[in-house]
C-alpha atoms as a PDB file:
ATOM      1  CA  MET A   1     102.069  48.440 140.844  1.00  0.00           C
ATOM      2  CA  SER A   2     103.395  45.084 141.883  1.00  0.00           C
ATOM      3  CA  GLU A   3     106.880  43.975 140.981  1.00  0.00           C
ATOM      4  CA  GLU A   4     107.364  40.522 139.557  1.00  0.00           C
ATOM      5  CA  ARG A   5     109.920  38.385 141.336  1.00  0.00           C
ATOM      6  CA  SER A   6     112.053  36.056 139.315  1.00  0.00           C
ATOM      7  CA  THR A   7     114.401  33.337 140.438  1.00  0.00           C
ATOM      8  CA  PRO A   8     117.748  34.904 141.300  1.00  0.00           C
ATOM      9  CA  THR A   9     120.741  33.920 139.184  1.00  0.00           C
ATOM     10  CA  ARG A  10     124.284  33.303 140.395  1.00  0.00           C
ATOM     11  CA  ARG A  11     125.156  36.831 139.334  1.00  0.00           C
ATOM     12  CA  ASP A  12     122.273  38.234 141.409  1.00  0.00           C
ATOM     13  CA  LEU A  13     123.485  36.338 144.436  1.00  0.00           C
ATOM     14  CA  ALA A  14     127.105  37.364 143.819  1.00  0.00           C
ATOM     15  CA  ILE A  15     128.110  33.732 143.610  1.00  0.00           C
ATOM     16  CA  GLY A  16     131.060  33.197 141.374  1.00  0.00           C
ATOM     17  CA  ASP A  17     132.369  30.173 139.581  1.00  0.00           C
ATOM     18  CA  PRO A  18     132.208  27.191 141.991  1.00  0.00           C
ATOM     19  CA  LEU A  19     135.466  25.716 140.669  1.00  0.00           C
ATOM     20  CA  GLY A  20     137.189  29.084 140.986  1.00  0.00           C
ATOM     21  CA  GLU A  21     135.926  29.414 144.559  1.00  0.00           C
ATOM     22  CA  ARG A  22     137.336  25.992 145.443  1.00  0.00           C
ATOM     23  CA  VAL A  23     140.688  26.866 143.913  1.00  0.00           C
ATOM     24  CA  ASN A  24     140.744  30.170 145.808  1.00  0.00           C
ATOM     25  CA  MET A  25     139.893  28.357 149.031  1.00  0.00           C
ATOM     26  CA  LEU A  26     142.708  25.854 148.455  1.00  0.00           C
ATOM     27  CA  VAL A  27     145.181  28.623 147.613  1.00  0.00           C
ATOM     28  CA  GLY A  28     144.135  30.500 150.757  1.00  0.00           C
ATOM     29  CA  LEU A  29     144.609  27.382 152.876  1.00  0.00           C
ATOM     30  CA  VAL A  30     148.093  26.798 151.446  1.00  0.00           C
ATOM     31  CA  ARG A  31     149.008  30.446 152.109  1.00  0.00           C
ATOM     32  CA  ARG A  32     147.772  30.201 155.715  1.00  0.00           C
ATOM     33  CA  ALA A  33     149.705  26.947 156.177  1.00  0.00           C
ATOM     34  CA  ARG A  34     152.901  28.674 154.983  1.00  0.00           C
ATOM     35  CA  LEU A  35     152.240  31.558 157.358  1.00  0.00           C
ATOM     36  CA  GLY A  36     151.594  29.141 160.215  1.00  0.00           C
ATOM     37  CA  TYR A  37     154.837  27.304 159.457  1.00  0.00           C
ATOM     38  CA  LYS A  38     156.836  30.563 159.533  1.00  0.00           C
ATOM     39  CA  LEU A  39     155.183  31.516 162.834  1.00  0.00           C
ATOM     40  CA  PHE A  40     155.879  28.072 164.274  1.00  0.00           C
ATOM     41  CA  LEU A  41     159.599  28.414 163.498  1.00  0.00           C
ATOM     42  CA  ASP A  42     159.819  31.916 164.998  1.00  0.00           C
ATOM     43  CA  PRO A  43     161.392  31.801 168.479  1.00  0.00           C
ATOM     44  CA  ARG A  44     159.426  34.893 169.561  1.00  0.00           C
ATOM     45  CA  VAL A  45     156.143  32.969 169.423  1.00  0.00           C
ATOM     46  CA  SER A  46     155.239  31.372 172.745  1.00  0.00           C
ATOM     47  CA  ILE A  47     155.874  27.657 173.210  1.00  0.00           C
ATOM     48  CA  LEU A  48     152.432  27.401 174.773  1.00  0.00           C
ATOM     49  CA  LEU A  49     150.876  28.778 171.582  1.00  0.00           C
ATOM     50  CA  LYS A  50     152.967  26.375 169.495  1.00  0.00           C
ATOM     51  CA  ALA A  51     151.341  23.509 171.399  1.00  0.00           C
ATOM     52  CA  LEU A  52     148.096  24.142 169.471  1.00  0.00           C
ATOM     53  CA  PRO A  53     149.287  22.929 166.047  1.00  0.00           C
ATOM     54  CA  VAL A  54     151.341  20.166 167.683  1.00  0.00           C
ATOM     55  CA  ALA A  55     148.228  18.902 169.486  1.00  0.00           C
ATOM     56  CA  ALA A  56     146.236  18.976 166.233  1.00  0.00           C
ATOM     57  CA  LEU A  57     148.907  17.029 164.353  1.00  0.00           C
ATOM     58  CA  THR A  58     149.101  14.550 167.231  1.00  0.00           C
ATOM     59  CA  TYR A  59     145.319  14.062 167.078  1.00  0.00           C
ATOM     60  CA  VAL A  60     145.525  13.290 163.366  1.00  0.00           C
ATOM     61  CA  ALA A  61     148.481  10.912 163.825  1.00  0.00           C
ATOM     62  CA  VAL A  62     147.021   8.951 166.766  1.00  0.00           C
ATOM     63  CA  PRO A  63     144.784   6.082 165.630  1.00  0.00           C
ATOM     64  CA  ILE A  64     142.024   6.916 168.152  1.00  0.00           C
ATOM     65  CA  ASP A  65     139.477   9.287 166.569  1.00  0.00           C
ATOM     66  CA  LEU A  66     136.237  10.911 167.615  1.00  0.00           C
ATOM     67  CA  VAL A  67     134.772   9.746 164.315  1.00  0.00           C
ATOM     68  CA  PRO A  68     136.121   6.372 163.090  1.00  0.00           C
ATOM     69  CA  GLU A  69     137.959   6.390 159.748  1.00  0.00           C
ATOM     70  CA  PHE A  70     135.887   3.509 158.386  1.00  0.00           C
ATOM     71  CA  LEU A  71     132.849   5.810 158.146  1.00  0.00           C
ATOM     72  CA  ILE A  72     133.359   6.859 154.565  1.00  0.00           C
ATOM     73  CA  GLY A  73     134.082  10.565 154.310  1.00  0.00           C
ATOM     74  CA  LEU A  74     133.245  11.452 157.902  1.00  0.00           C
ATOM     75  CA  GLY A  75     136.435  10.048 159.404  1.00  0.00           C
ATOM     76  CA  VAL A  76     138.596  12.298 157.259  1.00  0.00           C
ATOM     77  CA  VAL A  77     136.382  15.347 157.749  1.00  0.00           C
ATOM     78  CA  ASP A  78     136.991  15.510 161.503  1.00  0.00           C
ATOM     79  CA  ASP A  79     140.769  15.356 160.945  1.00  0.00           C
ATOM     80  CA  LEU A  80     140.628  18.165 158.384  1.00  0.00           C
ATOM     81  CA  ALA A  81     138.370  20.231 160.636  1.00  0.00           C
ATOM     82  CA  ILE A  82     140.748  19.854 163.596  1.00  0.00           C
ATOM     83  CA  LEU A  83     143.772  20.803 161.470  1.00  0.00           C
ATOM     84  CA  THR A  84     142.019  23.802 159.914  1.00  0.00           C
ATOM     85  CA  LEU A  85     140.690  25.102 163.234  1.00  0.00           C
ATOM     86  CA  ALA A  86     144.066  24.646 164.926  1.00  0.00           C
ATOM     87  CA  LEU A  87     145.856  26.502 162.116  1.00  0.00           C
ATOM     88  CA  GLU A  88     143.330  29.336 162.201  1.00  0.00           C
ATOM     89  CA  GLY A  89     143.511  29.586 165.998  1.00  0.00           C
ATOM     90  CA  PHE A  90     147.310  29.527 165.957  1.00  0.00           C
ATOM     91  CA  ILE A  91     147.461  32.363 163.431  1.00  0.00           C
ATOM     92  CA  ARG A  92     144.793  34.458 165.197  1.00  0.00           C
ATOM     93  CA  LEU A  93     146.481  34.080 168.594  1.00  0.00           C
ATOM     94  CA  ALA A  94     149.973  34.896 167.307  1.00  0.00           C
ATOM     95  CA  PRO A  95     151.390  38.286 168.331  1.00  0.00           C
ATOM     96  CA  PRO A  96     150.185  40.862 165.754  1.00  0.00           C
ATOM     97  CA  ASP A  97     153.604  42.402 165.098  1.00  0.00           C
ATOM     98  CA  ILE A  98     155.223  39.019 164.423  1.00  0.00           C
ATOM     99  CA  LEU A  99     152.241  37.961 162.311  1.00  0.00           C
ATOM    100  CA  ALA A 100     152.482  41.131 160.199  1.00  0.00           C
ATOM    101  CA  GLU A 101     156.240  40.685 159.768  1.00  0.00           C
ATOM    102  CA  HIS A 102     155.872  37.156 158.404  1.00  0.00           C
ATOM    103  CA  ALA A 103     152.848  38.079 156.279  1.00  0.00           C
ATOM    104  CA  ARG A 104     154.943  40.828 154.662  1.00  0.00           C
ATOM    105  CA  GLU A 105     157.839  38.405 154.061  1.00  0.00           C
ATOM    106  CA  LEU A 106     155.459  36.041 152.264  1.00  0.00           C
ATOM    107  CA  GLY A 107     153.970  38.898 150.219  1.00  0.00           C
ATOM    108  CA  PHE A 108     150.540  38.776 151.870  1.00  0.00           C
ATOM    109  CA  LEU A 109     150.768  42.401 153.051  1.00  0.00           C
ATOM    110  CA  ALA A 110     152.274  45.468 151.459  1.00  0.00           C
ATOM    111  CA  SER A 111     155.576  46.497 152.974  1.00  0.00           C
ATOM    112  CA  GLU A 112     155.562  49.574 155.187  1.00  0.00           C
ATOM    113  CA  ALA A 113     157.245  51.594 152.422  1.00  0.00           C
ATOM    114  CA  GLU A 114     154.471  50.664 149.962  1.00  0.00           C
ATOM    115  CA  GLN A 115     151.593  51.566 152.264  1.00  0.00           C
ATOM    116  CA  PRO A 116     149.901  54.889 151.582  1.00  0.00           C
ATOM    117  CA  ARG A 117     151.042  57.739 153.768  1.00  0.00           C
ATOM    118  CA  VAL A 118     148.564  59.446 156.005  1.00  0.00           C
ATOM    119  CA  GLU A 119     149.332  63.110 156.506  1.00  0.00           C
ATOM    120  CA  GLU A 120     148.992  64.289 160.052  1.00  0.00           C
ATOM    121  CA  LEU A 121     146.941  67.393 160.606  1.00  0.00           C
ATOM    122  CA  PRO A 122     147.688  69.927 163.304  1.00  0.00           C
ATOM    123  CA  ALA A 123     145.399  69.617 166.305  1.00  0.00           C
ATOM    124  CA  GLY A 124     141.954  71.087 165.691  1.00  0.00           C
ATOM    125  CA  GLU A 125     142.138  71.105 161.873  1.00  0.00           C
ATOM    126  CA  GLU A 126     139.575  69.219 159.839  1.00  0.00           C
ATOM    127  CA  PRO A 127     140.531  67.314 156.690  1.00  0.00           C
ATOM    128  CA  SER A 128     139.475  69.055 153.480  1.00  0.00           C
ATOM    129  CA  ALA A 129     136.993  67.324 151.210  1.00  0.00           C
END
């Protein structure tokens, strides 16, 4: 028997509401910007690492661009791409313990007390099913 193929729907492709996805993306960007700001103010984060967002902001502020602003849409896109990539790189390169601390403060991670406990088994014992 041959199966008939039909055109997949949004539900089949697991694609949600486009407006909702845009809102979620914007909310995620704002949350990452807040996290980046907290990391930037933390004295334990290397000055060399802090140069990444400073360089990105300088690129946006300086009137010389890789893509001229008068090209409608494209001039702004390169600025947004540079800022987004710099923010993402800054957060990914931040020390994990400091990153986790600030993420917890902002409510992005559960506090250590709220995380589920993992019981330690004596050596050689297998966990029961």
